[in-house]
Protein backbone atom coordinates (compact mmCIF):
# COMPACT_ATOMS: atom_id res chain seq x y z
CA MET A 1 -6.47 -24.50 33.96
CA PRO A 2 -4.04 -27.40 33.18
CA LEU A 3 -2.88 -29.54 36.10
CA LEU A 4 0.75 -28.45 35.75
CA GLN A 5 -0.25 -24.78 35.95
CA GLN A 6 -2.16 -25.47 39.16
CA VAL A 7 0.89 -27.28 40.53
CA ASP A 8 3.01 -24.23 39.70
CA GLU A 9 0.61 -21.87 41.49
CA LEU A 10 0.32 -24.10 44.57
CA SER A 11 4.11 -24.52 44.69
CA SER A 12 4.53 -20.74 44.60
CA LEU A 13 2.09 -20.34 47.48
CA LEU A 14 3.87 -23.00 49.54
CA ASP A 15 7.21 -21.28 48.87
CA THR A 16 5.93 -18.28 50.84
CA LYS A 17 6.16 -20.50 53.96
CA THR A 18 2.57 -19.80 54.91
CA PRO A 19 1.85 -22.08 57.90
CA ILE A 20 -1.68 -23.02 56.80
CA VAL A 21 -3.22 -23.33 53.34
CA MET A 22 -7.01 -23.55 53.12
CA ILE A 23 -8.63 -25.17 50.08
CA GLU A 24 -12.44 -25.07 49.93
CA THR A 25 -13.56 -27.54 47.28
CA HIS A 26 -15.48 -30.73 46.61
CA GLU A 27 -12.63 -31.92 44.38
CA GLU A 28 -10.71 -33.91 47.00
CA LYS A 29 -9.38 -36.33 44.40
CA GLN A 30 -7.98 -33.43 42.38
CA VAL A 31 -6.36 -31.88 45.46
CA LEU A 32 -4.62 -35.14 46.38
CA ALA A 33 -3.34 -35.43 42.81
CA LEU A 34 -1.87 -31.93 43.12
CA PHE A 35 -0.01 -32.87 46.28
CA GLU A 36 1.32 -36.02 44.68
CA ARG A 37 2.99 -33.79 42.09
CA ILE A 38 4.07 -31.34 44.80
CA ALA A 39 5.78 -34.13 46.76
CA ALA A 40 7.77 -35.21 43.72
CA ARG A 41 8.69 -31.66 42.67
CA MET A 42 9.62 -30.27 46.10
CA GLN A 43 10.91 -33.56 47.54
CA ARG A 44 8.76 -33.18 50.62
CA GLU A 45 6.79 -35.70 52.59
CA VAL A 46 3.03 -35.36 52.28
CA TRP A 47 0.90 -36.74 55.08
CA THR A 48 -2.88 -36.96 55.06
CA TRP A 49 -5.34 -37.15 57.92
CA SER A 50 -8.98 -38.19 57.87
CA ALA A 51 -11.32 -39.27 60.64
CA SER A 52 -11.72 -42.68 59.01
CA ARG A 53 -8.04 -43.52 58.36
CA GLY A 54 -6.07 -41.40 60.79
CA LEU A 55 -2.67 -39.87 60.02
CA LYS A 56 -0.76 -41.62 57.25
CA ILE A 57 2.09 -40.74 54.94
CA SER A 58 0.87 -40.44 51.36
CA HIS A 59 3.98 -39.48 49.39
CA GLY A 60 7.66 -39.30 50.09
CA LEU A 61 9.91 -41.39 52.34
CA LYS A 62 8.04 -44.44 53.62
CA ILE A 63 8.36 -44.27 57.40
CA SER A 64 6.00 -45.07 60.23
CA LEU A 65 4.92 -42.98 63.15
CA THR A 66 7.06 -45.07 65.49
CA ASP A 67 10.25 -43.98 63.68
CA PHE A 68 10.06 -40.54 65.27
CA ALA A 69 7.94 -41.05 68.36
CA SER A 70 9.88 -40.18 71.50
CA SER A 71 7.05 -41.39 73.72
CA PRO A 72 5.62 -44.92 74.00
CA VAL A 73 4.66 -46.35 70.64
CA MET A 74 1.29 -45.11 69.37
CA ASP A 75 -0.68 -47.16 66.89
CA THR A 76 -1.67 -45.15 63.83
CA ALA A 77 -5.30 -46.12 64.41
CA GLU A 78 -5.28 -43.87 67.47
CA THR A 79 -4.59 -40.85 65.25
CA LYS A 80 -8.14 -41.06 63.95
CA GLN A 81 -8.82 -38.71 66.83
CA LEU A 82 -7.68 -35.26 65.74
CA PRO A 83 -6.03 -34.19 69.05
CA GLU A 84 -3.76 -37.27 68.96
CA ALA A 85 -3.03 -36.67 65.26
CA LEU A 86 -2.00 -33.06 65.97
CA GLN A 87 0.34 -34.28 68.72
CA GLN A 88 2.05 -36.54 66.18
CA VAL A 89 2.20 -33.73 63.60
CA ASP A 90 3.93 -31.57 66.20
CA ARG A 91 6.63 -34.25 66.51
CA LEU A 92 7.32 -34.72 62.80
CA PRO A 93 11.06 -34.12 62.33
CA THR A 94 10.88 -33.31 58.65
CA ALA A 95 9.56 -30.37 56.60
CA ALA A 96 6.31 -32.18 56.05
CA LEU A 97 3.09 -31.10 54.38
CA VAL A 98 0.09 -32.37 56.35
CA VAL A 99 -3.24 -32.43 54.51
CA PHE A 100 -6.31 -32.55 56.78
CA LEU A 101 -9.41 -33.84 54.97
CA ASP A 102 -12.85 -32.67 56.15
CA VAL A 103 -11.49 -31.08 59.31
CA HIS A 104 -14.21 -28.40 59.42
CA PRO A 105 -16.46 -30.11 62.06
CA TYR A 106 -13.61 -29.96 64.56
CA LEU A 107 -12.62 -26.30 64.18
CA SER A 108 -15.18 -25.11 66.72
CA ASN A 109 -13.24 -26.95 69.44
CA PRO A 110 -10.91 -24.44 71.18
CA LEU A 111 -8.42 -27.21 72.02
CA ILE A 112 -8.10 -28.11 68.33
CA THR A 113 -7.75 -24.46 67.35
CA ARG A 114 -5.05 -23.89 69.97
CA ALA A 115 -3.09 -26.97 68.94
CA MET A 116 -3.11 -25.86 65.29
CA LYS A 117 -2.04 -22.36 66.28
CA GLU A 118 0.92 -23.72 68.25
CA ILE A 119 2.03 -25.77 65.25
CA ALA A 120 1.60 -22.71 63.00
CA LEU A 121 3.73 -20.56 65.34
CA LYS A 122 6.64 -23.01 64.97
CA ALA A 123 5.99 -23.80 61.30
CA GLU A 124 8.48 -21.49 59.58
CA GLY A 125 11.42 -22.62 61.68
CA ARG A 126 10.60 -26.29 61.21
CA GLY A 127 9.36 -26.07 57.61
CA GLN A 128 6.04 -27.74 58.34
CA GLN A 129 2.83 -26.63 56.67
CA MET A 130 -0.78 -27.67 57.23
CA VAL A 131 -3.40 -27.86 54.48
CA LEU A 132 -7.12 -27.78 55.34
CA VAL A 133 -9.34 -29.32 52.66
CA GLY A 134 -13.15 -29.35 52.72
CA HIS A 135 -16.21 -28.04 50.94
CA ASP A 136 -16.91 -25.30 53.52
CA ILE A 137 -14.34 -24.41 56.18
CA PRO A 138 -15.38 -21.98 58.96
CA LEU A 139 -11.89 -20.79 59.81
CA PRO A 140 -11.51 -19.64 63.46
CA GLY A 141 -10.27 -16.09 63.88
CA GLU A 142 -7.21 -17.33 65.76
CA LEU A 143 -5.94 -19.09 62.62
CA VAL A 144 -6.71 -16.35 60.08
CA PRO A 145 -3.31 -14.54 60.40
CA PHE A 146 -1.50 -17.79 59.58
CA THR A 147 -3.67 -18.86 56.65
CA SER A 148 -3.62 -18.40 52.88
CA ARG A 149 -6.33 -19.60 50.50
CA PHE A 150 -5.87 -21.60 47.32
CA GLU A 151 -8.59 -21.99 44.69
CA VAL A 152 -8.80 -25.32 42.88
CA GLU A 153 -9.79 -24.82 39.26
CA PRO A 154 -13.28 -26.28 38.73
CA MET A 155 -14.32 -28.34 35.73
CA ASN A 156 -13.92 -26.19 32.62
CA LEU A 157 -15.78 -26.63 29.34
CA ASP A 158 -13.04 -28.72 27.71
CA LEU A 159 -12.99 -31.14 30.65
CA VAL A 160 -16.79 -31.35 30.67
CA ARG A 161 -16.82 -32.13 26.94
CA LYS A 162 -14.14 -34.80 27.43
CA LEU A 163 -16.09 -36.39 30.27
CA PHE A 164 -19.32 -36.22 28.24
CA LYS A 165 -17.65 -38.03 25.32
CA GLU A 166 -16.38 -40.72 27.70
CA GLU A 167 -19.89 -41.26 29.04
CA VAL A 168 -21.45 -41.24 25.56
CA ASP A 169 -18.98 -43.94 24.45
CA ARG A 170 -19.79 -45.90 27.60
CA HIS A 171 -23.53 -45.55 26.94
CA LYS A 172 -23.18 -46.65 23.32
CA GLY A 173 -21.10 -49.64 24.41
CA ARG A 174 -23.75 -50.75 26.90
CA GLN A 175 -26.95 -49.78 25.05
CA GLY A 176 -25.79 -50.08 21.46
CA GLN A 177 -27.48 -46.80 20.43
CA ASP A 178 -26.44 -43.26 19.58
CA ILE A 179 -27.53 -40.12 21.41
CA SER A 180 -30.05 -37.84 19.70
CA GLY A 181 -31.43 -34.38 20.43
CA CYS A 182 -30.87 -30.67 19.85
CA ARG A 183 -27.21 -29.62 19.53
CA LYS A 184 -27.96 -26.13 20.85
CA THR A 185 -29.56 -27.62 23.96
CA LEU A 186 -26.58 -29.93 24.38
CA GLU A 187 -24.12 -27.03 24.20
CA SER A 188 -26.13 -25.11 26.78
CA LEU A 189 -26.30 -28.18 29.01
CA LEU A 190 -22.53 -28.71 28.86
CA ARG A 191 -21.85 -25.02 29.60
CA HIS A 192 -23.95 -25.22 32.73
CA MET A 193 -22.05 -28.23 34.02
CA VAL A 194 -18.93 -26.07 34.14
CA GLY A 195 -17.92 -25.33 37.73
CA LEU A 196 -19.43 -28.47 39.24
CA PRO A 197 -17.34 -31.19 40.90
CA GLU A 198 -16.28 -33.97 38.55
CA ALA A 199 -18.38 -36.56 40.37
CA SER A 200 -21.49 -34.37 40.03
CA VAL A 201 -20.83 -33.76 36.33
CA ARG A 202 -20.46 -37.48 35.70
CA HIS A 203 -23.67 -38.24 37.59
CA LEU A 204 -25.62 -35.58 35.68
CA VAL A 205 -24.28 -36.74 32.32
CA ARG A 206 -25.30 -40.32 33.08
CA LEU A 207 -28.74 -39.12 34.19
CA THR A 208 -29.09 -37.13 30.97
CA LEU A 209 -28.09 -40.09 28.80
CA THR A 210 -30.56 -42.49 30.42
CA ASP A 211 -33.20 -42.16 27.68
CA GLY A 212 -30.70 -41.43 24.90
CA VAL A 213 -32.27 -38.05 24.06
CA ILE A 214 -30.98 -34.55 24.92
CA CYS A 215 -33.89 -32.16 25.56
CA THR A 216 -34.78 -28.99 27.45
CA ALA A 217 -36.02 -31.05 30.41
CA ASP A 218 -32.44 -32.27 30.85
CA LEU A 219 -31.22 -28.67 30.94
CA ALA A 220 -33.73 -27.76 33.66
CA ARG A 221 -32.67 -30.84 35.64
CA VAL A 222 -29.00 -29.89 35.39
CA LEU A 223 -29.64 -26.32 36.54
CA SER A 224 -31.70 -27.47 39.52
CA ALA A 225 -29.06 -30.03 40.49
CA LYS A 226 -26.33 -27.43 40.11
CA GLN A 227 -28.18 -25.14 42.50
CA GLU A 228 -28.47 -27.90 45.06
CA THR A 229 -24.82 -28.91 44.67
CA LEU A 230 -23.62 -25.34 45.12
CA GLY A 231 -25.98 -24.83 48.06
CA VAL A 232 -27.68 -21.63 46.94
CA ALA A 233 -31.17 -22.84 46.05
CA GLU A 234 -32.65 -20.68 48.82
CA LEU A 235 -30.72 -17.55 47.75
CA LEU A 236 -30.99 -17.77 43.97
CA VAL A 237 -34.41 -18.91 42.77
CA PHE A 238 -34.32 -20.67 39.41
CA GLU A 239 -37.26 -19.32 37.37
CA GLN A 240 -38.36 -22.01 34.94
CA ARG A 241 -41.56 -20.72 33.31
CA LEU A 242 -40.46 -17.72 31.31
CA PRO A 243 -42.62 -15.58 29.00
CA ALA A 244 -41.58 -14.90 25.43
CA MET A 245 -40.59 -11.38 24.47
CA GLU A 246 -43.74 -11.30 22.29
CA ASP A 247 -45.77 -11.41 25.51
CA VAL A 248 -44.28 -8.05 26.54
CA ALA A 249 -46.35 -5.24 25.04
CA GLY A 250 -44.55 -2.05 24.01
CA MET A 251 -41.01 -1.33 25.24
CA LYS A 252 -39.72 -1.10 21.66
CA ALA A 253 -36.56 0.77 22.60
CA LEU A 254 -35.68 -1.78 25.30
CA LYS A 255 -36.36 -4.71 22.95
CA ARG A 256 -34.13 -3.22 20.23
CA TRP A 257 -31.38 -2.53 22.78
CA LEU A 258 -31.50 -6.14 23.94
CA LEU A 259 -31.58 -7.55 20.41
CA LEU A 260 -28.39 -5.68 19.49
CA ARG A 261 -26.62 -7.10 22.54
CA ARG A 262 -27.73 -10.73 22.43
CA GLU A 263 -24.85 -12.00 20.29
CA PRO A 264 -22.11 -10.08 22.13
CA PHE A 265 -23.42 -11.49 25.43
CA LEU A 266 -23.60 -15.09 24.26
CA ASP A 267 -20.33 -15.04 22.30
CA PRO A 268 -18.22 -11.94 23.05
CA GLU A 269 -15.10 -13.42 21.47
CA ALA A 270 -16.79 -13.99 18.12
CA SER A 271 -18.40 -10.55 18.09
CA GLY A 272 -15.26 -8.74 19.21
CA LEU A 273 -17.41 -6.53 21.44
CA PRO A 274 -17.45 -6.19 25.22
CA ALA A 275 -20.23 -8.28 26.74
CA PRO A 276 -23.19 -6.24 28.09
CA ARG A 277 -23.30 -6.20 31.87
CA GLY A 278 -26.82 -5.18 32.84
CA VAL A 279 -29.72 -2.76 32.94
CA LEU A 280 -31.77 -0.98 35.59
CA MET A 281 -35.48 -0.72 34.85
CA LEU A 282 -37.21 2.02 36.79
CA GLY A 283 -40.91 2.69 36.49
CA VAL A 284 -44.46 2.71 37.72
CA GLN A 285 -45.63 -0.33 39.65
CA GLY A 286 -47.30 -2.92 37.45
CA SER A 287 -45.86 -1.50 34.23
CA GLY A 288 -44.25 -4.79 33.13
CA LYS A 289 -40.70 -4.54 34.47
CA SER A 290 -40.75 -8.01 36.02
CA LEU A 291 -42.31 -9.51 32.89
CA ALA A 292 -39.61 -7.93 30.73
CA SER A 293 -36.88 -9.19 33.08
CA LYS A 294 -38.07 -12.75 32.63
CA ALA A 295 -38.47 -12.34 28.87
CA ILE A 296 -34.83 -11.25 28.52
CA ALA A 297 -33.64 -14.66 29.69
CA ALA A 298 -36.13 -16.44 27.44
CA SER A 299 -35.15 -14.45 24.35
CA TRP A 300 -31.44 -14.99 24.99
CA GLN A 301 -32.06 -18.68 25.81
CA VAL A 302 -30.19 -18.56 29.10
CA PRO A 303 -31.46 -19.43 32.60
CA LEU A 304 -32.92 -16.78 34.90
CA PHE A 305 -32.08 -16.61 38.61
CA ARG A 306 -33.94 -14.29 40.95
CA MET A 307 -32.11 -12.98 43.99
CA ASP A 308 -34.20 -13.64 47.09
CA PHE A 309 -33.33 -10.72 49.36
CA GLY A 310 -35.57 -12.10 52.09
CA ALA A 311 -33.35 -15.20 52.38
CA LEU A 312 -30.20 -13.07 52.40
CA PHE A 313 -30.87 -11.08 55.55
CA ASP A 314 -29.67 -12.59 58.79
CA LYS A 315 -29.88 -11.33 62.35
CA TYR A 316 -26.21 -12.08 62.98
CA GLN A 317 -23.75 -9.35 62.06
CA GLY A 318 -21.83 -10.02 58.88
CA GLU A 319 -23.96 -12.99 57.79
CA SER A 320 -26.09 -11.00 55.31
CA GLU A 321 -23.01 -9.78 53.44
CA ARG A 322 -21.49 -13.26 53.47
CA LYS A 323 -24.66 -14.74 51.99
CA LEU A 324 -24.76 -12.06 49.30
CA ARG A 325 -21.13 -12.70 48.34
CA GLU A 326 -21.86 -16.42 48.24
CA ALA A 327 -24.94 -15.90 46.06
CA LEU A 328 -23.02 -13.66 43.64
CA LYS A 329 -20.19 -16.17 43.48
CA MET A 330 -22.69 -18.87 42.62
CA ALA A 331 -24.31 -16.64 39.98
CA ASP A 332 -20.85 -16.44 38.39
CA ALA A 333 -20.71 -20.24 38.47
CA MET A 334 -24.12 -20.42 36.74
CA ALA A 335 -23.01 -18.22 33.82
CA PRO A 336 -24.14 -17.57 31.19
CA CYS A 337 -27.34 -16.46 32.88
CA VAL A 338 -29.54 -13.50 33.76
CA LEU A 339 -29.53 -12.43 37.42
CA TRP A 340 -32.73 -10.62 38.35
CA MET A 341 -32.93 -8.35 41.40
CA ASP A 342 -36.57 -7.37 41.76
CA GLU A 343 -37.37 -4.16 43.68
CA ILE A 344 -33.70 -3.72 44.45
CA GLU A 345 -34.32 -0.57 46.48
CA LYS A 346 -36.23 -2.62 49.08
CA GLY A 347 -33.65 -5.39 49.11
CA LEU A 348 -30.72 -3.10 49.81
CA ALA A 349 -32.67 -1.22 52.45
CA GLY A 350 -33.57 -4.43 54.28
CA GLY A 351 -32.09 -5.47 57.55
CA GLN A 352 -32.65 -2.12 59.19
CA GLY A 353 -33.80 -2.42 62.78
CA ASP A 354 -32.99 -6.13 63.00
CA GLY A 355 -29.95 -5.75 65.17
CA ASP A 356 -27.64 -4.85 62.30
CA THR A 357 -28.53 -1.41 61.01
CA GLY A 358 -25.53 -1.32 58.65
CA ALA A 359 -26.33 -4.54 56.81
CA GLY A 360 -27.93 -2.78 53.84
CA LYS A 361 -24.94 -0.47 53.32
CA ARG A 362 -22.44 -3.29 53.60
CA MET A 363 -24.44 -5.40 51.18
CA LEU A 364 -24.50 -2.46 48.75
CA GLY A 365 -20.72 -2.28 49.00
CA SER A 366 -20.38 -6.00 48.23
CA LEU A 367 -22.76 -5.68 45.28
CA LEU A 368 -20.97 -2.65 43.81
CA THR A 369 -17.61 -4.41 44.10
CA TRP A 370 -18.99 -7.45 42.27
CA MET A 371 -20.58 -5.29 39.57
CA ALA A 372 -17.26 -3.54 38.94
CA GLU A 373 -14.96 -6.57 39.04
CA ARG A 374 -16.92 -9.51 37.63
CA ARG A 375 -15.71 -11.14 34.45
CA SER A 376 -18.38 -13.80 34.11
CA SER A 377 -21.27 -13.78 31.63
CA VAL A 378 -23.90 -12.73 34.15
CA PHE A 379 -26.36 -10.12 32.88
CA LEU A 380 -27.77 -8.18 35.82
CA VAL A 381 -31.35 -6.94 35.55
CA ALA A 382 -32.48 -4.75 38.44
CA THR A 383 -35.98 -3.32 38.77
CA ALA A 384 -37.13 -0.48 41.03
CA ASN A 385 -40.30 1.48 41.76
CA ASP A 386 -39.10 4.05 44.29
CA ILE A 387 -36.38 6.50 43.25
CA GLU A 388 -36.02 7.80 46.81
CA GLY A 389 -35.09 4.31 47.98
CA LEU A 390 -32.36 3.86 45.36
CA PRO A 391 -28.84 4.34 46.78
CA PRO A 392 -27.07 7.17 44.87
CA GLU A 393 -23.99 4.94 44.47
CA LEU A 394 -26.06 2.50 42.42
CA MET A 395 -27.13 5.21 39.98
CA ARG A 396 -23.65 6.41 39.10
CA LYS A 397 -22.75 6.26 35.41
CA GLY A 398 -21.17 2.95 34.52
CA ARG A 399 -22.87 0.81 37.15
CA PHE A 400 -25.39 -0.33 34.52
CA ASP A 401 -25.10 -0.22 30.75
CA GLU A 402 -28.38 1.67 30.64
CA ILE A 403 -31.21 2.90 32.87
CA PHE A 404 -34.64 2.49 31.27
CA PHE A 405 -37.85 4.15 32.42
CA VAL A 406 -41.01 2.08 31.99
CA ASP A 407 -44.01 4.42 31.97
CA LEU A 408 -47.73 3.75 32.01
CA PRO A 409 -48.73 2.24 28.65
CA ALA A 410 -49.71 4.50 25.77
CA PRO A 411 -52.93 3.74 23.81
CA ASP A 412 -51.21 1.51 21.21
CA VAL A 413 -49.49 -0.44 23.99
CA ARG A 414 -52.75 -0.83 25.93
CA HIS A 415 -54.30 -2.14 22.70
CA SER A 416 -51.61 -4.86 22.60
CA ILE A 417 -52.00 -5.61 26.32
CA PHE A 418 -55.77 -6.12 25.96
CA ARG A 419 -55.25 -8.34 22.94
CA ILE A 420 -52.71 -10.50 24.80
CA HIS A 421 -54.82 -10.97 27.94
CA LEU A 422 -58.18 -11.38 26.26
CA GLN A 423 -56.73 -14.14 24.10
CA LYS A 424 -54.95 -15.70 27.08
CA HIS A 425 -58.20 -15.83 29.09
CA ARG A 426 -60.31 -16.91 26.12
CA ILE A 427 -62.61 -13.88 26.11
CA ALA A 428 -64.21 -13.22 22.72
CA PHE A 429 -63.53 -9.78 21.20
CA ASP A 430 -63.05 -7.93 17.93
CA ASP A 431 -61.26 -4.72 16.96
CA ALA A 432 -64.42 -2.70 17.51
CA ALA A 433 -64.60 -3.96 21.10
CA LEU A 434 -60.98 -3.03 21.82
CA ALA A 435 -61.32 0.70 21.11
CA PRO A 436 -63.59 1.57 24.08
CA LEU A 437 -61.53 -0.63 26.42
CA VAL A 438 -58.37 1.21 25.37
CA ASP A 439 -60.02 4.60 25.87
CA ARG A 440 -61.43 3.72 29.30
CA SER A 441 -58.10 2.29 30.53
CA GLU A 442 -56.22 5.59 30.26
CA GLY A 443 -53.81 5.70 33.22
CA PHE A 444 -54.04 1.94 33.89
CA SER A 445 -50.88 -0.12 34.17
CA GLY A 446 -50.48 -3.46 32.43
CA ALA A 447 -50.99 -5.30 35.72
CA GLU A 448 -54.22 -3.36 36.36
CA ILE A 449 -55.53 -4.22 32.90
CA GLU A 450 -54.78 -7.90 33.47
CA ALA A 451 -56.51 -7.73 36.87
CA ALA A 452 -59.66 -6.33 35.21
CA VAL A 453 -59.68 -9.17 32.68
CA VAL A 454 -59.23 -11.79 35.41
CA ALA A 455 -61.98 -10.19 37.53
CA ALA A 456 -64.33 -10.37 34.55
CA ARG A 457 -63.70 -14.09 34.31
CA TYR A 458 -64.55 -14.54 37.99
CA GLU A 459 -67.82 -12.65 37.51
CA ALA A 460 -68.73 -14.75 34.48
CA HIS A 461 -67.85 -17.97 36.30
CA ALA A 462 -70.10 -16.99 39.23
CA ARG A 463 -73.01 -16.46 36.83
CA GLY A 464 -72.27 -19.63 34.91
CA GLU A 465 -71.75 -17.69 31.67
CA PRO A 466 -68.85 -17.42 29.22
CA PRO A 467 -66.79 -14.27 29.87
CA GLN A 468 -67.53 -11.26 27.63
CA HIS A 469 -65.54 -8.10 26.88
CA GLU A 470 -68.44 -6.05 28.32
CA ALA A 471 -67.64 -7.52 31.74
CA VAL A 472 -64.07 -6.22 31.36
CA MET A 473 -65.46 -2.73 30.74
CA ARG A 474 -67.54 -2.94 33.91
CA GLU A 475 -64.44 -3.83 35.90
CA LEU A 476 -62.55 -0.88 34.43
CA LEU A 477 -65.37 1.48 35.37
CA ARG A 478 -65.35 0.41 39.01
CA THR A 479 -61.54 0.51 39.40
CA ARG A 480 -59.40 3.48 40.43
CA PRO A 481 -55.90 2.93 39.05
CA LEU A 482 -52.67 3.76 40.82
CA SER A 483 -52.22 6.79 38.56
CA VAL A 484 -55.26 8.29 40.33
CA THR A 485 -54.69 7.13 43.90
CA ARG A 486 -51.00 8.06 43.78
CA ALA A 487 -51.03 10.76 41.13
CA GLU A 488 -48.49 13.02 42.88
CA ALA A 489 -45.92 10.24 43.38
CA ILE A 490 -46.16 9.10 39.75
CA ALA A 491 -45.87 12.68 38.48
CA GLU A 492 -42.73 13.13 40.58
CA LEU A 493 -41.30 9.86 39.26
CA ARG A 494 -41.92 10.89 35.66
CA GLU A 495 -40.35 14.29 36.22
CA TRP A 496 -37.25 12.75 37.78
CA ALA A 497 -36.85 10.18 34.98
CA ALA A 498 -37.32 12.65 32.12
CA ASP A 499 -33.68 13.81 32.00
CA ARG A 500 -31.99 10.87 33.75
CA THR A 501 -33.21 7.76 31.98
CA VAL A 502 -33.99 6.35 28.54
CA SER A 503 -37.60 5.57 27.71
CA ALA A 504 -38.24 1.85 27.27
CA ASP A 505 -40.92 2.61 24.64
């Protein structure tokens, strides 16, 4: 958003006479530039306070604190203490705007909160307004009725590109060499710098240009740094080692569905189609849902973030929902990306019995609201094993673009699974050896087949011999798959999915 448009929006908000404006941002320099324009446009004094410099006039009529002090003269250095600064703000005779920088550590003090409330109560009559600026402001409940929020526009793609060009020119001037690398990787890297503070973008660009080559390692570094900067590394796990779609056996219908939607997701404007929003994959445990979720991100060449429901839940009421909203907001900032919610039925049922029995329901409400209202390029992939644990609200038509059922693998799919894992684990085989393995593995999931291959390697290692496909057969013979031990549950799942989902195969 252009600077002048932001000035217009902030001016409109200030015209409502709201006593307090809260701006949560790292872009302090940008905020102060906005108020410089505001001071000139509205002909108002703008004062700033910080713990290091105290209360000082920034824009407008150049006066000192002693010009209006009715009490003994107070040196401006004494206003470094917030209580003294608030006393002086309360005595300002003009319709001043007072910008408090990094005031959040002081808001837990009831004396500070009360002083601000008293100023807010008199604000409309006197024309004063306070502005709280910081990266994370825990607003006390006493001040909420007097406060409006303003969102500072983060770095957009055009600004990131402009900054990148500035740094490239600077690098060429100092090093005397051009930048090389993959243009597609560069475009992805620049897209993922969008939303970061300007100082962070500049630092990451300089870090990327150090060796003069743009590569995928730079992209991974930017994504990790972005997570740390936005403070959600513990909520959204950045999955870096992703399998290729070729590593996913079967699921032909799902693969075709994803292929048709890749371009509209990555460039909806060029395609003229609405961007796909997400899928729910329901199926038997170990059938490859998680593997497919990871492969989606790899095939679309976008990052994958896994929602860590365990880190979301908090014993304090309301904190779980706040963390979820924060994580979803940060997922929007990471776009374009794939957001993976593994075993979503367990995640949304969590928190029960931990002092906040309604946490799961409130989190579901926050998630459904985000799913309905989001405009960012975040493709949601949810996986589930237990239909009884799925909230009915989540299954309503329109929540996901499609619901796929991933069943136990058919013979041709098991053939592919054996081929993939035998090659991966360097076990010699031929087509004649595969046929009996495929026959014996009827009812086995992909995960159970892989486990048999891995177990065969352990047995061979213990004997000091190279692994053979016969050892895999022995492991299959001694294993009882889930389709046997939980036959009734799987039959019920298949029956439920028959008329309600689309087969992934």
